[in-house]
C-alpha atoms as a PDB file:
ATOM      1  CA  MET A   1       8.466  52.729  27.939  1.00  0.00           C
ATOM      2  CA  LYS A   2      11.708  52.859  30.519  1.00  0.00           C
ATOM      3  CA  ASP A   3      11.510  50.942  33.628  1.00  0.00           C
ATOM      4  CA  ILE A   4      12.207  53.790  35.772  1.00  0.00           C
ATOM      5  CA  THR A   5      11.018  57.478  35.339  1.00  0.00           C
ATOM      6  CA  ALA A   6      12.734  60.241  37.849  1.00  0.00           C
ATOM      7  CA  ILE A   7      11.073  63.425  39.023  1.00  0.00           C
ATOM      8  CA  GLY A   8      12.656  65.871  40.522  1.00  0.00           C
ATOM      9  CA  GLU A   9      15.787  68.050  40.757  1.00  0.00           C
ATOM     10  CA  ILE A  10      18.941  68.354  38.171  1.00  0.00           C
ATOM     11  CA  LEU A  11      21.226  70.233  39.240  1.00  0.00           C
ATOM     12  CA  ILE A  12      24.935  70.925  39.239  1.00  0.00           C
ATOM     13  CA  ASP A  13      27.204  70.139  42.539  1.00  0.00           C
ATOM     14  CA  LEU A  14      30.297  72.468  42.758  1.00  0.00           C
ATOM     15  CA  THR A  15      31.904  70.028  45.293  1.00  0.00           C
ATOM     16  CA  GLN A  16      34.781  70.621  47.180  1.00  0.00           C
ATOM     17  CA  THR A  17      38.301  69.273  45.330  1.00  0.00           C
ATOM     18  CA  GLY A  18      40.595  70.076  47.944  1.00  0.00           C
ATOM     19  CA  ILE A  19      42.465  73.362  48.760  1.00  0.00           C
ATOM     20  CA  ASN A  20      45.286  75.071  46.619  1.00  0.00           C
ATOM     21  CA  GLU A  21      48.777  76.521  47.323  1.00  0.00           C
ATOM     22  CA  SER A  22      47.807  79.238  49.503  1.00  0.00           C
ATOM     23  CA  GLY A  23      44.237  78.194  51.239  1.00  0.00           C
ATOM     24  CA  VAL A  24      41.339  78.481  48.296  1.00  0.00           C
ATOM     25  CA  PRO A  25      38.725  75.872  48.127  1.00  0.00           C
ATOM     26  CA  LEU A  26      39.069  74.216  45.157  1.00  0.00           C
ATOM     27  CA  PHE A  27      35.525  73.120  43.725  1.00  0.00           C
ATOM     28  CA  ALA A  28      34.287  70.689  40.137  1.00  0.00           C
ATOM     29  CA  ALA A  29      31.043  71.625  38.753  1.00  0.00           C
ATOM     30  CA  ASN A  30      29.713  67.586  39.297  1.00  0.00           C
ATOM     31  CA  PRO A  31      26.178  66.754  37.592  1.00  0.00           C
ATOM     32  CA  GLY A  32      23.914  65.729  40.557  1.00  0.00           C
ATOM     33  CA  GLY A  33      20.336  66.501  42.053  1.00  0.00           C
ATOM     34  CA  ALA A  34      18.776  62.970  43.914  1.00  0.00           C
ATOM     35  CA  PRO A  35      15.971  61.713  41.325  1.00  0.00           C
ATOM     36  CA  ALA A  36      19.135  62.291  38.560  1.00  0.00           C
ATOM     37  CA  ASN A  37      21.367  60.522  40.456  1.00  0.00           C
ATOM     38  CA  VAL A  38      19.328  57.931  41.167  1.00  0.00           C
ATOM     39  CA  ALA A  39      18.118  57.242  37.066  1.00  0.00           C
ATOM     40  CA  VAL A  40      22.242  57.645  35.554  1.00  0.00           C
ATOM     41  CA  ALA A  41      22.442  54.558  39.150  1.00  0.00           C
ATOM     42  CA  ALA A  42      20.039  53.058  37.776  1.00  0.00           C
ATOM     43  CA  SER A  43      21.259  52.712  33.886  1.00  0.00           C
ATOM     44  CA  ARG A  44      24.688  52.123  34.583  1.00  0.00           C
ATOM     45  CA  LEU A  45      23.503  48.968  37.023  1.00  0.00           C
ATOM     46  CA  GLY A  46      21.277  47.521  33.565  1.00  0.00           C
ATOM     47  CA  ALA A  47      17.604  49.246  33.890  1.00  0.00           C
ATOM     48  CA  SER A  48      16.025  51.758  31.091  1.00  0.00           C
ATOM     49  CA  ALA A  49      15.255  55.095  32.806  1.00  0.00           C
ATOM     50  CA  ALA A  50      13.805  58.546  31.574  1.00  0.00           C
ATOM     51  CA  PHE A  51      14.410  61.817  34.124  1.00  0.00           C
ATOM     52  CA  VAL A  52      12.243  64.186  34.249  1.00  0.00           C
ATOM     53  CA  GLY A  53      12.588  68.396  35.179  1.00  0.00           C
ATOM     54  CA  LYS A  54      14.045  71.187  34.550  1.00  0.00           C
ATOM     55  CA  VAL A  55      17.000  72.942  33.945  1.00  0.00           C
ATOM     56  CA  GLY A  56      18.033  76.774  32.767  1.00  0.00           C
ATOM     57  CA  ASP A  57      18.989  77.722  28.922  1.00  0.00           C
ATOM     58  CA  ASP A  58      22.406  77.929  30.462  1.00  0.00           C
ATOM     59  CA  GLY A  59      25.492  76.104  29.820  1.00  0.00           C
ATOM     60  CA  PHE A  60      25.061  74.484  33.191  1.00  0.00           C
ATOM     61  CA  GLY A  61      21.448  73.042  31.724  1.00  0.00           C
ATOM     62  CA  ALA A  62      23.508  72.049  28.490  1.00  0.00           C
ATOM     63  CA  TYR A  63      25.742  69.724  30.234  1.00  0.00           C
ATOM     64  CA  LEU A  64      23.636  68.116  31.956  1.00  0.00           C
ATOM     65  CA  ARG A  65      21.880  67.338  29.189  1.00  0.00           C
ATOM     66  CA  GLN A  66      24.558  65.519  27.832  1.00  0.00           C
ATOM     67  CA  VAL A  67      25.365  64.340  31.059  1.00  0.00           C
ATOM     68  CA  LEU A  68      22.057  62.388  31.190  1.00  0.00           C
ATOM     69  CA  GLU A  69      22.047  61.449  27.192  1.00  0.00           C
ATOM     70  CA  GLY A  70      26.088  60.248  27.868  1.00  0.00           C
ATOM     71  CA  ASP A  71      24.277  57.838  30.492  1.00  0.00           C
ATOM     72  CA  LYS A  72      21.823  56.634  28.029  1.00  0.00           C
ATOM     73  CA  VAL A  73      19.184  58.266  30.355  1.00  0.00           C
ATOM     74  CA  ASP A  74      15.581  59.486  28.724  1.00  0.00           C
ATOM     75  CA  CYS A  75      15.414  63.010  28.658  1.00  0.00           C
ATOM     76  CA  SER A  76      12.751  63.421  26.466  1.00  0.00           C
ATOM     77  CA  GLY A  77      11.123  64.876  29.672  1.00  0.00           C
ATOM     78  CA  LEU A  78      13.868  67.354  29.948  1.00  0.00           C
ATOM     79  CA  TYR A  79      12.804  70.926  29.895  1.00  0.00           C
ATOM     80  CA  THR A  80      14.486  74.284  30.131  1.00  0.00           C
ATOM     81  CA  GLY A  81      13.029  76.861  31.847  1.00  0.00           C
ATOM     82  CA  SER A  82      13.841  81.228  31.919  1.00  0.00           C
ATOM     83  CA  ALA A  83      15.746  80.429  36.253  1.00  0.00           C
ATOM     84  CA  PRO A  84      19.014  79.570  35.584  1.00  0.00           C
ATOM     85  CA  THR A  85      20.560  76.131  36.148  1.00  0.00           C
ATOM     86  CA  THR A  86      19.926  74.999  40.624  1.00  0.00           C
ATOM     87  CA  MET A  87      22.958  74.907  42.434  1.00  0.00           C
ATOM     88  CA  ALA A  88      24.401  72.889  45.097  1.00  0.00           C
ATOM     89  CA  VAL A  89      27.743  73.661  46.615  1.00  0.00           C
ATOM     90  CA  VAL A  90      28.948  71.170  48.382  1.00  0.00           C
ATOM     91  CA  ALA A  91      31.761  71.275  51.201  1.00  0.00           C
ATOM     92  CA  VAL A  92      32.901  67.651  52.359  1.00  0.00           C
ATOM     93  CA  ASP A  93      34.945  67.524  55.430  1.00  0.00           C
ATOM     94  CA  SER A  94      38.769  65.276  56.560  1.00  0.00           C
ATOM     95  CA  ARG A  95      36.155  62.714  56.655  1.00  0.00           C
ATOM     96  CA  GLY A  96      34.716  62.686  53.380  1.00  0.00           C
ATOM     97  CA  GLU A  97      30.964  64.166  55.257  1.00  0.00           C
ATOM     98  CA  ARG A  98      29.397  66.232  53.246  1.00  0.00           C
ATOM     99  CA  SER A  99      27.556  70.233  53.695  1.00  0.00           C
ATOM    100  CA  PHE A 100      25.092  71.409  52.156  1.00  0.00           C
ATOM    101  CA  ARG A 101      24.560  74.934  49.993  1.00  0.00           C
ATOM    102  CA  PHE A 102      21.550  75.668  47.599  1.00  0.00           C
ATOM    103  CA  VAL A 103      21.140  77.946  44.799  1.00  0.00           C
ATOM    104  CA  ARG A 104      17.562  77.635  43.741  1.00  0.00           C
ATOM    105  CA  GLY A 105      16.754  77.781  40.198  1.00  0.00           C
ATOM    106  CA  ALA A 106      14.824  76.163  37.094  1.00  0.00           C
ATOM    107  CA  ASP A 107      14.505  72.626  39.582  1.00  0.00           C
ATOM    108  CA  ARG A 108      11.297  74.375  41.452  1.00  0.00           C
ATOM    109  CA  ASP A 109       9.936  75.517  38.004  1.00  0.00           C
ATOM    110  CA  LEU A 110       8.310  72.219  36.372  1.00  0.00           C
ATOM    111  CA  SER A 111       4.742  72.519  35.719  1.00  0.00           C
ATOM    112  CA  PRO A 112       2.180  69.613  36.401  1.00  0.00           C
ATOM    113  CA  ASP A 113       1.843  69.648  32.185  1.00  0.00           C
ATOM    114  CA  GLU A 114       5.218  69.815  32.398  1.00  0.00           C
ATOM    115  CA  ALA A 115       5.328  66.477  35.159  1.00  0.00           C
ATOM    116  CA  GLY A 116       2.804  63.649  32.783  1.00  0.00           C
ATOM    117  CA  LYS A 117       5.959  62.615  31.325  1.00  0.00           C
ATOM    118  CA  ALA A 118       6.483  60.615  34.710  1.00  0.00           C
ATOM    119  CA  SER A 119       3.386  59.017  34.901  1.00  0.00           C
ATOM    120  CA  ALA A 120       3.453  57.967  31.423  1.00  0.00           C
ATOM    121  CA  GLY A 121       3.961  54.435  32.756  1.00  0.00           C
ATOM    122  CA  GLY A 122       7.164  52.021  33.426  1.00  0.00           C
ATOM    123  CA  LYS A 123       8.050  49.807  37.110  1.00  0.00           C
ATOM    124  CA  PHE A 124       8.898  52.585  38.627  1.00  0.00           C
ATOM    125  CA  LEU A 125       7.886  55.966  39.542  1.00  0.00           C
ATOM    126  CA  HIS A 126      11.282  58.310  41.583  1.00  0.00           C
ATOM    127  CA  PHE A 127      11.092  61.443  43.315  1.00  0.00           C
ATOM    128  CA  GLY A 128      12.387  62.595  46.520  1.00  0.00           C
ATOM    129  CA  SER A 129      11.449  65.833  48.864  1.00  0.00           C
ATOM    130  CA  VAL A 130      13.395  68.268  47.296  1.00  0.00           C
ATOM    131  CA  SER A 131      10.661  68.813  45.097  1.00  0.00           C
ATOM    132  CA  LEU A 132       8.174  69.344  47.604  1.00  0.00           C
ATOM    133  CA  THR A 133       9.995  71.790  48.566  1.00  0.00           C
ATOM    134  CA  GLU A 134       7.671  74.628  46.894  1.00  0.00           C
ATOM    135  CA  ASP A 135       5.230  74.745  43.934  1.00  0.00           C
ATOM    136  CA  PRO A 136       4.688  74.526  40.933  1.00  0.00           C
ATOM    137  CA  ALA A 137       7.120  71.554  41.103  1.00  0.00           C
ATOM    138  CA  ARG A 138       5.349  70.189  44.364  1.00  0.00           C
ATOM    139  CA  SER A 139       2.209  69.910  42.974  1.00  0.00           C
ATOM    140  CA  ALA A 140       3.436  69.070  39.461  1.00  0.00           C
ATOM    141  CA  THR A 141       5.497  66.389  41.293  1.00  0.00           C
ATOM    142  CA  LEU A 142       2.540  65.139  43.816  1.00  0.00           C
ATOM    143  CA  ALA A 143       0.402  64.872  40.175  1.00  0.00           C
ATOM    144  CA  ALA A 144       2.034  62.844  38.540  1.00  0.00           C
ATOM    145  CA  VAL A 145       2.610  60.833  41.942  1.00  0.00           C
ATOM    146  CA  ARG A 146      -1.074  59.854  42.045  1.00  0.00           C
ATOM    147  CA  ALA A 147      -0.739  59.421  38.066  1.00  0.00           C
ATOM    148  CA  ALA A 148       1.111  56.696  38.418  1.00  0.00           C
ATOM    149  CA  ARG A 149      -0.500  55.020  40.687  1.00  0.00           C
ATOM    150  CA  GLU A 150      -3.888  54.448  39.000  1.00  0.00           C
ATOM    151  CA  ALA A 151      -1.949  53.242  36.036  1.00  0.00           C
ATOM    152  CA  GLY A 152      -0.527  50.731  38.334  1.00  0.00           C
ATOM    153  CA  VAL A 153       3.324  51.667  38.734  1.00  0.00           C
ATOM    154  CA  LEU A 154       5.340  51.247  41.984  1.00  0.00           C
ATOM    155  CA  VAL A 155       6.257  54.293  43.651  1.00  0.00           C
ATOM    156  CA  SER A 156       9.368  54.874  45.534  1.00  0.00           C
ATOM    157  CA  TYR A 157      10.348  57.714  47.310  1.00  0.00           C
ATOM    158  CA  ASP A 158      13.538  59.143  48.837  1.00  0.00           C
ATOM    159  CA  PRO A 159      12.263  61.528  52.203  1.00  0.00           C
ATOM    160  CA  ASN A 160      15.922  63.706  51.474  1.00  0.00           C
ATOM    161  CA  TYR A 161      15.702  66.071  54.446  1.00  0.00           C
ATOM    162  CA  ARG A 162      17.738  69.284  53.282  1.00  0.00           C
ATOM    163  CA  ALA A 163      17.021  71.898  56.135  1.00  0.00           C
ATOM    164  CA  ALA A 164      18.849  75.029  53.641  1.00  0.00           C
ATOM    165  CA  LEU A 165      15.488  74.326  51.653  1.00  0.00           C
ATOM    166  CA  TRP A 166      12.838  75.153  54.426  1.00  0.00           C
ATOM    167  CA  SER A 167      11.404  77.819  55.760  1.00  0.00           C
ATOM    168  CA  SER A 168      11.588  75.480  58.959  1.00  0.00           C
ATOM    169  CA  GLN A 169      12.177  72.094  60.853  1.00  0.00           C
ATOM    170  CA  GLU A 170       8.416  71.375  60.740  1.00  0.00           C
ATOM    171  CA  GLU A 171       7.610  72.984  57.354  1.00  0.00           C
ATOM    172  CA  ALA A 172       9.864  69.997  56.328  1.00  0.00           C
ATOM    173  CA  VAL A 173       8.128  67.348  58.090  1.00  0.00           C
ATOM    174  CA  ASP A 174       4.727  67.997  57.338  1.00  0.00           C
ATOM    175  CA  TRP A 175       5.181  67.712  53.950  1.00  0.00           C
ATOM    176  CA  MET A 176       7.897  65.240  53.715  1.00  0.00           C
ATOM    177  CA  ARG A 177       5.022  63.110  55.741  1.00  0.00           C
ATOM    178  CA  ARG A 178       2.291  63.630  53.006  1.00  0.00           C
ATOM    179  CA  PRO A 179       3.639  61.435  50.511  1.00  0.00           C
ATOM    180  CA  LEU A 180       4.534  57.887  52.987  1.00  0.00           C
ATOM    181  CA  ALA A 181       1.449  56.560  52.084  1.00  0.00           C
ATOM    182  CA  MET A 182       1.788  56.658  48.212  1.00  0.00           C
ATOM    183  CA  ALA A 183       5.286  55.331  49.004  1.00  0.00           C
ATOM    184  CA  ASP A 184       5.928  51.541  47.917  1.00  0.00           C
ATOM    185  CA  VAL A 185       9.321  51.627  48.544  1.00  0.00           C
ATOM    186  CA  LEU A 186      10.860  54.243  50.520  1.00  0.00           C
ATOM    187  CA  LYS A 187      14.663  54.935  51.155  1.00  0.00           C
ATOM    188  CA  LEU A 188      15.855  57.291  54.471  1.00  0.00           C
ATOM    189  CA  SER A 189      18.364  57.718  55.837  1.00  0.00           C
ATOM    190  CA  ASP A 190      18.768  56.414  59.899  1.00  0.00           C
ATOM    191  CA  GLU A 191      18.875  60.483  60.736  1.00  0.00           C
ATOM    192  CA  GLU A 192      15.819  61.296  58.325  1.00  0.00           C
ATOM    193  CA  LEU A 193      13.376  57.661  60.217  1.00  0.00           C
ATOM    194  CA  PRO A 194      13.070  59.835  63.789  1.00  0.00           C
ATOM    195  CA  LEU A 195      11.948  62.904  61.383  1.00  0.00           C
ATOM    196  CA  LEU A 196       9.386  61.225  60.104  1.00  0.00           C
ATOM    197  CA  THR A 197       8.196  58.678  62.964  1.00  0.00           C
ATOM    198  CA  GLY A 198       9.068  60.273  65.961  1.00  0.00           C
ATOM    199  CA  THR A 199      11.561  57.719  67.062  1.00  0.00           C
ATOM    200  CA  GLY A 200      15.238  56.659  65.999  1.00  0.00           C
ATOM    201  CA  ARG A 201      14.916  52.354  66.990  1.00  0.00           C
ATOM    202  CA  PRO A 202      14.830  51.091  63.415  1.00  0.00           C
ATOM    203  CA  GLU A 203      12.225  48.563  64.705  1.00  0.00           C
ATOM    204  CA  GLU A 204       9.985  51.113  65.620  1.00  0.00           C
ATOM    205  CA  GLY A 205      10.546  53.392  63.015  1.00  0.00           C
ATOM    206  CA  THR A 206       9.580  51.277  60.191  1.00  0.00           C
ATOM    207  CA  ARG A 207       6.803  49.328  61.809  1.00  0.00           C
ATOM    208  CA  ALA A 208       4.651  52.664  62.015  1.00  0.00           C
ATOM    209  CA  LEU A 209       5.838  53.297  57.821  1.00  0.00           C
ATOM    210  CA  GLU A 210       4.918  49.801  57.177  1.00  0.00           C
ATOM    211  CA  GLU A 211       1.575  50.420  59.005  1.00  0.00           C
ATOM    212  CA  LEU A 212       0.969  53.032  56.212  1.00  0.00           C
ATOM    213  CA  GLY A 213       1.295  51.452  53.742  1.00  0.00           C
ATOM    214  CA  VAL A 214       5.046  51.147  52.610  1.00  0.00           C
ATOM    215  CA  LYS A 215       5.075  47.723  51.331  1.00  0.00           C
ATOM    216  CA  LEU A 216       9.920  47.866  51.722  1.00  0.00           C
ATOM    217  CA  VAL A 217      11.333  50.579  53.847  1.00  0.00           C
ATOM    218  CA  LEU A 218      15.601  50.744  53.649  1.00  0.00           C
ATOM    219  CA  VAL A 219      17.102  53.320  56.376  1.00  0.00           C
ATOM    220  CA  THR A 220      20.728  53.455  55.711  1.00  0.00           C
ATOM    221  CA  LEU A 221      22.962  53.168  58.031  1.00  0.00           C
ATOM    222  CA  GLY A 222      25.665  54.427  56.060  1.00  0.00           C
ATOM    223  CA  GLY A 223      28.952  52.672  56.465  1.00  0.00           C
ATOM    224  CA  GLU A 224      26.930  49.970  58.643  1.00  0.00           C
ATOM    225  CA  GLY A 225      25.166  48.757  55.233  1.00  0.00           C
ATOM    226  CA  VAL A 226      21.048  49.316  55.601  1.00  0.00           C
ATOM    227  CA  TYR A 227      18.080  48.173  57.522  1.00  0.00           C
ATOM    228  CA  CYS A 228      15.173  46.497  56.263  1.00  0.00           C
ATOM    229  CA  ARG A 229      11.673  45.824  56.462  1.00  0.00           C
ATOM    230  CA  TRP A 230      10.277  43.500  54.318  1.00  0.00           C
ATOM    231  CA  HIS A 231       6.758  42.454  54.761  1.00  0.00           C
ATOM    232  CA  GLY A 232       7.207  41.860  58.617  1.00  0.00           C
ATOM    233  CA  GLU A 233      10.334  41.011  58.381  1.00  0.00           C
ATOM    234  CA  CYS A 234      13.199  43.402  59.742  1.00  0.00           C
ATOM    235  CA  TRP A 235      16.945  42.723  59.165  1.00  0.00           C
ATOM    236  CA  ARG A 236      20.243  44.437  58.950  1.00  0.00           C
ATOM    237  CA  GLN A 237      22.431  43.899  55.258  1.00  0.00           C
ATOM    238  CA  PRO A 238      26.253  44.504  56.506  1.00  0.00           C
ATOM    239  CA  GLY A 239      28.148  47.795  54.902  1.00  0.00           C
ATOM    240  CA  VAL A 240      31.261  46.884  52.713  1.00  0.00           C
ATOM    241  CA  PRO A 241      34.210  48.288  53.959  1.00  0.00           C
ATOM    242  CA  VAL A 242      35.831  50.897  52.381  1.00  0.00           C
ATOM    243  CA  LYS A 243      37.955  53.718  52.168  1.00  0.00           C
ATOM    244  CA  VAL A 244      36.043  56.874  52.046  1.00  0.00           C
ATOM    245  CA  ALA A 245      36.923  60.347  49.120  1.00  0.00           C
ATOM    246  CA  ASP A 246      33.506  61.288  49.561  1.00  0.00           C
ATOM    247  CA  THR A 247      29.773  60.587  50.141  1.00  0.00           C
ATOM    248  CA  ASN A 248      28.498  62.697  48.016  1.00  0.00           C
ATOM    249  CA  GLY A 249      26.015  60.293  45.713  1.00  0.00           C
ATOM    250  CA  ALA A 250      26.223  57.213  47.951  1.00  0.00           C
ATOM    251  CA  GLY A 251      22.576  56.753  48.562  1.00  0.00           C
ATOM    252  CA  ASP A 252      21.190  57.537  45.584  1.00  0.00           C
ATOM    253  CA  THR A 253      23.662  54.978  43.815  1.00  0.00           C
ATOM    254  CA  PHE A 254      22.095  52.826  46.708  1.00  0.00           C
ATOM    255  CA  LEU A 255      18.498  53.185  45.354  1.00  0.00           C
ATOM    256  CA  GLY A 256      19.852  52.920  41.602  1.00  0.00           C
ATOM    257  CA  ALA A 257      21.048  49.691  41.909  1.00  0.00           C
ATOM    258  CA  VAL A 258      17.582  48.461  44.120  1.00  0.00           C
ATOM    259  CA  LEU A 259      15.722  49.429  41.242  1.00  0.00           C
ATOM    260  CA  SER A 260      17.807  48.702  38.446  1.00  0.00           C
ATOM    261  CA  ARG A 261      17.927  44.411  40.656  1.00  0.00           C
ATOM    262  CA  LEU A 262      14.051  44.591  41.598  1.00  0.00           C
ATOM    263  CA  CYS A 263      13.366  45.171  37.449  1.00  0.00           C
ATOM    264  CA  ARG A 264      15.011  42.336  36.584  1.00  0.00           C
ATOM    265  CA  ARG A 265      13.165  39.700  37.863  1.00  0.00           C
ATOM    266  CA  GLY A 266      12.125  38.522  34.996  1.00  0.00           C
ATOM    267  CA  ASP A 267       8.190  38.756  33.846  1.00  0.00           C
ATOM    268  CA  LYS A 268       7.118  39.610  38.002  1.00  0.00           C
ATOM    269  CA  THR A 269       6.222  42.589  38.488  1.00  0.00           C
ATOM    270  CA  PRO A 270       9.297  44.549  40.986  1.00  0.00           C
ATOM    271  CA  LEU A 271       8.044  43.186  44.372  1.00  0.00           C
ATOM    272  CA  GLU A 272       5.218  39.699  43.410  1.00  0.00           C
ATOM    273  CA  GLY A 273       6.441  36.973  45.057  1.00  0.00           C
ATOM    274  CA  LEU A 274       9.547  38.497  46.557  1.00  0.00           C
ATOM    275  CA  THR A 275      11.400  36.525  49.435  1.00  0.00           C
ATOM    276  CA  ARG A 276      14.183  37.202  51.824  1.00  0.00           C
ATOM    277  CA  ALA A 277      16.657  35.462  50.498  1.00  0.00           C
ATOM    278  CA  GLY A 278      16.427  37.260  47.170  1.00  0.00           C
ATOM    279  CA  LEU A 279      16.096  40.792  48.424  1.00  0.00           C
ATOM    280  CA  GLU A 280      19.554  39.728  50.824  1.00  0.00           C
ATOM    281  CA  ASP A 281      20.942  39.775  46.992  1.00  0.00           C
ATOM    282  CA  ILE A 282      19.600  42.848  45.842  1.00  0.00           C
ATOM    283  CA  LEU A 283      20.983  44.924  49.401  1.00  0.00           C
ATOM    284  CA  SER A 284      24.139  43.210  49.117  1.00  0.00           C
ATOM    285  CA  PHE A 285      24.436  44.084  45.580  1.00  0.00           C
ATOM    286  CA  ALA A 286      23.379  47.282  46.615  1.00  0.00           C
ATOM    287  CA  ASN A 287      26.189  48.024  48.869  1.00  0.00           C
ATOM    288  CA  ARG A 288      28.727  46.902  46.794  1.00  0.00           C
ATOM    289  CA  ALA A 289      27.196  50.132  44.607  1.00  0.00           C
ATOM    290  CA  ALA A 290      26.954  52.405  47.458  1.00  0.00           C
ATOM    291  CA  ALA A 291      30.345  50.989  48.448  1.00  0.00           C
ATOM    292  CA  LEU A 292      32.149  51.935  45.674  1.00  0.00           C
ATOM    293  CA  THR A 293      31.198  54.842  44.680  1.00  0.00           C
ATOM    294  CA  CYS A 294      32.282  56.536  48.093  1.00  0.00           C
ATOM    295  CA  SER A 295      35.809  55.497  47.205  1.00  0.00           C
ATOM    296  CA  ARG A 296      35.484  58.387  44.425  1.00  0.00           C
ATOM    297  CA  SER A 297      34.934  61.916  44.795  1.00  0.00           C
ATOM    298  CA  GLY A 298      31.704  63.605  43.243  1.00  0.00           C
ATOM    299  CA  ALA A 299      28.170  62.119  42.735  1.00  0.00           C
ATOM    300  CA  ILE A 300      27.381  60.513  39.119  1.00  0.00           C
ATOM    301  CA  PRO A 301      30.659  60.362  38.325  1.00  0.00           C
ATOM    302  CA  ALA A 302      31.754  58.460  40.848  1.00  0.00           C
ATOM    303  CA  MET A 303      28.920  55.687  40.541  1.00  0.00           C
ATOM    304  CA  PRO A 304      30.119  52.101  39.153  1.00  0.00           C
ATOM    305  CA  THR A 305      28.752  50.250  36.037  1.00  0.00           C
ATOM    306  CA  LEU A 306      27.522  47.097  35.968  1.00  0.00           C
ATOM    307  CA  ALA A 307      30.572  45.243  35.030  1.00  0.00           C
ATOM    308  CA  GLU A 308      32.355  47.216  37.302  1.00  0.00           C
ATOM    309  CA  LEU A 309      30.434  45.345  39.880  1.00  0.00           C
ATOM    310  CA  GLU A 310      30.130  42.017  37.382  1.00  0.00           C
ATOM    311  CA  SER A 311      34.320  41.311  37.359  1.00  0.00           C
END
């Protein structure tokens, strides 16, 4: 039984690395997918992690399995399907900001039966909203979340908005909002906050999410750090200045770091007895991890190890 199980998409990030002498963009085939990123980040930072999802019966699928296993992520729930491995083309501008175009494949074919491994136990089940774009992955993910809650497993949710994957913003917001009441930990960006709450003001938006039952709300603010709401208290945890090479995977590193630190809280359940001071230490650690990821290129390849952060 692993501390953290992530369910959802795993894919190849075709990430722009530069241009050649003829002006042609150059791309690297990096491993990625937000839930898979979180699993790897948590594993590198000291938690035990598992991943449940689906890849194609192709070279990219075999490579992604190899990457997860290399980072000690349990892949017994990683299935191989008939569709090709999903890809995301990630272009990076001069400021390190990303734009996405998806070529969907096997990740959306995860079935409810296959997703059953995600609710087998542990401390956290983590998922994101990309899994909610279409069935059968949508039904599989929501069934796993419900089963995890019934088993007493805490739920972590990242409503990761990717406009290109939805027929409309209205459809996206509808489905992204539906699991909110089942989440114990919620990580979202400052751009996603108004989509889910109707306000871009962190204090008001996080209050609305807390009223739905979310225990810990984390709004990432890019280089400015993170806005946190915990037990009715709100504060901004400052970010760590860094020369940005690529922001891909930074939010996933941050969340993986938070979950890994929560899982290390001795014999207590992850959120039991958590004080503001203790949470500030966790968020400071997670901000440092995210900053280090931003200083390097790629998502999973850029994620730090525990030794790097403790040195």
